Amino acid sequence: MSDSYGLFKTVTLSYDDAVAAVTEALKSQGFGVLTTIDVKATLRKKLDVDFKPYVILGACNPRLAYRALQSENDIGLLLPCNVIVYDNQDGTSTVGILDPEKMMGFVGNPALEPIAAEARSLLQNALAQLDG
């Protein structure tokens, strides 16, 4: 885990329960899940390898996305916000959320700073709702 680009929390939930819980927590903060990539299934299908349960969720807060797009037309390259959930195979799961302040920071557009800060705060709220 790297705190350099993500916000992380280990939860005492099964993988399936963690995916459901983070989806609901994101929803409570105005984020919808637009995409779901089942990494385990994809690696099995494409490479015929086993991997632990791992999902990448593409989360979007439409209001914040619209504001960001108004400030920076090409910001869509960094949308939606990726959220990962994986099974630690010890009865816990890890939830990680890409830190929007880190990602927007390298764009160099000061108009994105308050949007990224608000997104980060909402995403931290979603993480805080998960049982630790």
Protein backbone atom coordinates (compact mmCIF):
# COMPACT_ATOMS: atom_id res chain seq x y z
CA MET A 1 0.00 0.00 0.00
CA SER A 2 1.24 3.43 -0.84
CA ASP A 3 -0.14 6.48 0.90
CA SER A 4 1.55 8.54 -1.78
CA TYR A 5 -1.36 8.28 -4.20
CA GLY A 6 -4.22 6.63 -2.39
CA LEU A 7 -6.44 6.58 0.66
CA PHE A 8 -6.63 3.12 2.23
CA LYS A 9 -8.52 1.22 4.88
CA THR A 10 -8.42 -2.42 5.92
CA VAL A 11 -11.85 -3.63 6.96
CA THR A 12 -13.02 -6.70 8.83
CA LEU A 13 -15.44 -7.61 6.07
CA SER A 14 -15.42 -10.39 3.54
CA TYR A 15 -14.52 -9.34 0.03
CA ASP A 16 -18.13 -9.41 -1.21
CA ASP A 17 -19.36 -7.50 1.84
CA ALA A 18 -16.57 -4.93 1.43
CA VAL A 19 -17.50 -4.32 -2.23
CA ALA A 20 -21.15 -3.83 -1.23
CA ALA A 21 -20.26 -1.61 1.73
CA VAL A 22 -17.94 0.68 -0.23
CA THR A 23 -20.48 0.96 -3.04
CA GLU A 24 -23.11 2.12 -0.51
CA ALA A 25 -20.66 4.44 1.25
CA LEU A 26 -19.73 6.05 -2.06
CA LYS A 27 -23.42 6.45 -2.91
CA SER A 28 -24.03 8.23 0.40
CA GLN A 29 -21.40 10.79 -0.64
CA GLY A 30 -22.88 11.41 -4.10
CA PHE A 31 -20.72 8.94 -6.06
CA GLY A 32 -22.08 6.30 -8.37
CA VAL A 33 -20.14 3.31 -9.63
CA LEU A 34 -19.98 3.58 -13.42
CA THR A 35 -17.65 0.68 -14.12
CA THR A 36 -16.68 -2.55 -12.41
CA ILE A 37 -13.60 -4.49 -13.46
CA ASP A 38 -13.31 -7.94 -11.92
CA VAL A 39 -9.53 -8.33 -12.02
CA LYS A 40 -9.59 -11.95 -10.85
CA ALA A 41 -12.01 -12.99 -13.62
CA THR A 42 -10.18 -10.96 -16.26
CA LEU A 43 -6.80 -12.48 -15.41
CA ARG A 44 -8.34 -15.95 -15.40
CA LYS A 45 -9.91 -15.38 -18.82
CA LYS A 46 -7.01 -13.56 -20.50
CA LEU A 47 -3.98 -15.22 -18.92
CA ASP A 48 -5.37 -18.39 -17.36
CA VAL A 49 -3.85 -17.45 -13.99
CA ASP A 50 -5.27 -17.46 -10.48
CA PHE A 51 -5.43 -14.19 -8.56
CA LYS A 52 -7.14 -13.20 -5.35
CA PRO A 53 -10.56 -11.53 -5.48
CA TYR A 54 -9.84 -7.96 -6.61
CA VAL A 55 -12.12 -5.37 -8.17
CA ILE A 56 -11.59 -1.90 -9.63
CA LEU A 57 -14.64 0.35 -9.34
CA GLY A 58 -14.91 3.50 -11.42
CA ALA A 59 -16.67 5.97 -9.11
CA CYS A 60 -18.04 9.32 -10.24
CA ASN A 61 -19.69 12.25 -8.53
CA PRO A 62 -21.48 13.92 -11.47
CA ARG A 63 -21.56 17.36 -9.86
CA LEU A 64 -17.81 17.37 -9.21
CA ALA A 65 -17.03 15.81 -12.60
CA TYR A 66 -19.00 18.56 -14.34
CA ARG A 67 -17.17 21.27 -12.42
CA ALA A 68 -13.82 19.68 -13.22
CA LEU A 69 -14.68 19.39 -16.93
CA GLN A 70 -15.66 23.07 -16.98
CA SER A 71 -12.23 23.94 -15.58
CA GLU A 72 -10.14 21.54 -17.66
CA ASN A 73 -11.54 20.00 -20.83
CA ASP A 74 -9.05 17.12 -20.86
CA ILE A 75 -9.59 16.14 -17.21
CA GLY A 76 -11.69 13.25 -18.46
CA LEU A 77 -8.41 11.39 -18.82
CA LEU A 78 -8.35 11.19 -15.01
CA LEU A 79 -12.03 10.33 -14.54
CA PRO A 80 -13.67 8.37 -13.01
CA CYS A 81 -12.00 8.00 -9.65
CA ASN A 82 -10.68 4.47 -9.21
CA VAL A 83 -11.58 2.54 -6.08
CA ILE A 84 -10.07 -0.89 -5.42
CA VAL A 85 -11.22 -3.66 -3.13
CA TYR A 86 -9.23 -6.81 -2.60
CA ASP A 87 -9.36 -9.85 -0.39
CA ASN A 88 -6.45 -10.06 2.05
CA GLN A 89 -7.22 -13.77 2.44
CA ASP A 90 -7.22 -13.48 6.22
CA GLY A 91 -10.85 -12.48 6.82
CA THR A 92 -10.20 -8.84 5.99
CA SER A 93 -10.37 -6.77 2.84
CA THR A 94 -8.54 -3.65 1.73
CA VAL A 95 -10.32 -0.68 0.22
CA GLY A 96 -8.21 1.89 -1.61
CA ILE A 97 -9.31 5.10 -3.28
CA LEU A 98 -7.19 7.13 -5.65
CA ASP A 99 -6.41 10.48 -3.99
CA PRO A 100 -7.98 13.12 -6.27
CA GLU A 101 -5.74 15.87 -4.88
CA LYS A 102 -2.64 13.93 -5.96
CA MET A 103 -4.03 13.19 -9.40
CA MET A 104 -5.38 16.68 -10.09
CA GLY A 105 -2.27 18.28 -8.62
CA PHE A 106 -0.02 17.26 -11.46
CA VAL A 107 -2.37 18.86 -14.02
CA GLY A 108 -1.25 22.30 -12.84
CA ASN A 109 -4.65 24.02 -13.07
CA PRO A 110 -5.38 25.93 -9.84
CA ALA A 111 -9.11 25.92 -10.64
CA LEU A 112 -9.11 22.15 -9.99
CA GLU A 113 -7.70 22.44 -6.47
CA PRO A 114 -10.98 23.16 -4.63
CA ILE A 115 -12.79 20.49 -6.65
CA ALA A 116 -10.14 17.90 -5.82
CA ALA A 117 -10.19 18.92 -2.15
CA GLU A 118 -13.96 18.49 -2.00
CA ALA A 119 -13.75 15.13 -3.76
CA ARG A 120 -11.05 13.98 -1.34
CA SER A 121 -13.15 15.01 1.65
CA LEU A 122 -16.20 13.13 0.35
CA LEU A 123 -14.12 10.05 -0.40
CA GLN A 124 -12.56 10.17 3.07
CA ASN A 125 -16.11 10.34 4.49
CA ALA A 126 -17.01 7.22 2.50
CA LEU A 127 -13.96 5.37 3.86
CA ALA A 128 -14.78 6.47 7.40
CA GLN A 129 -18.21 4.81 7.09
CA LEU A 130 -16.62 1.39 6.59
CA ASP A 131 -16.18 -0.79 9.65
CA GLY A 132 -12.50 -1.12 10.51
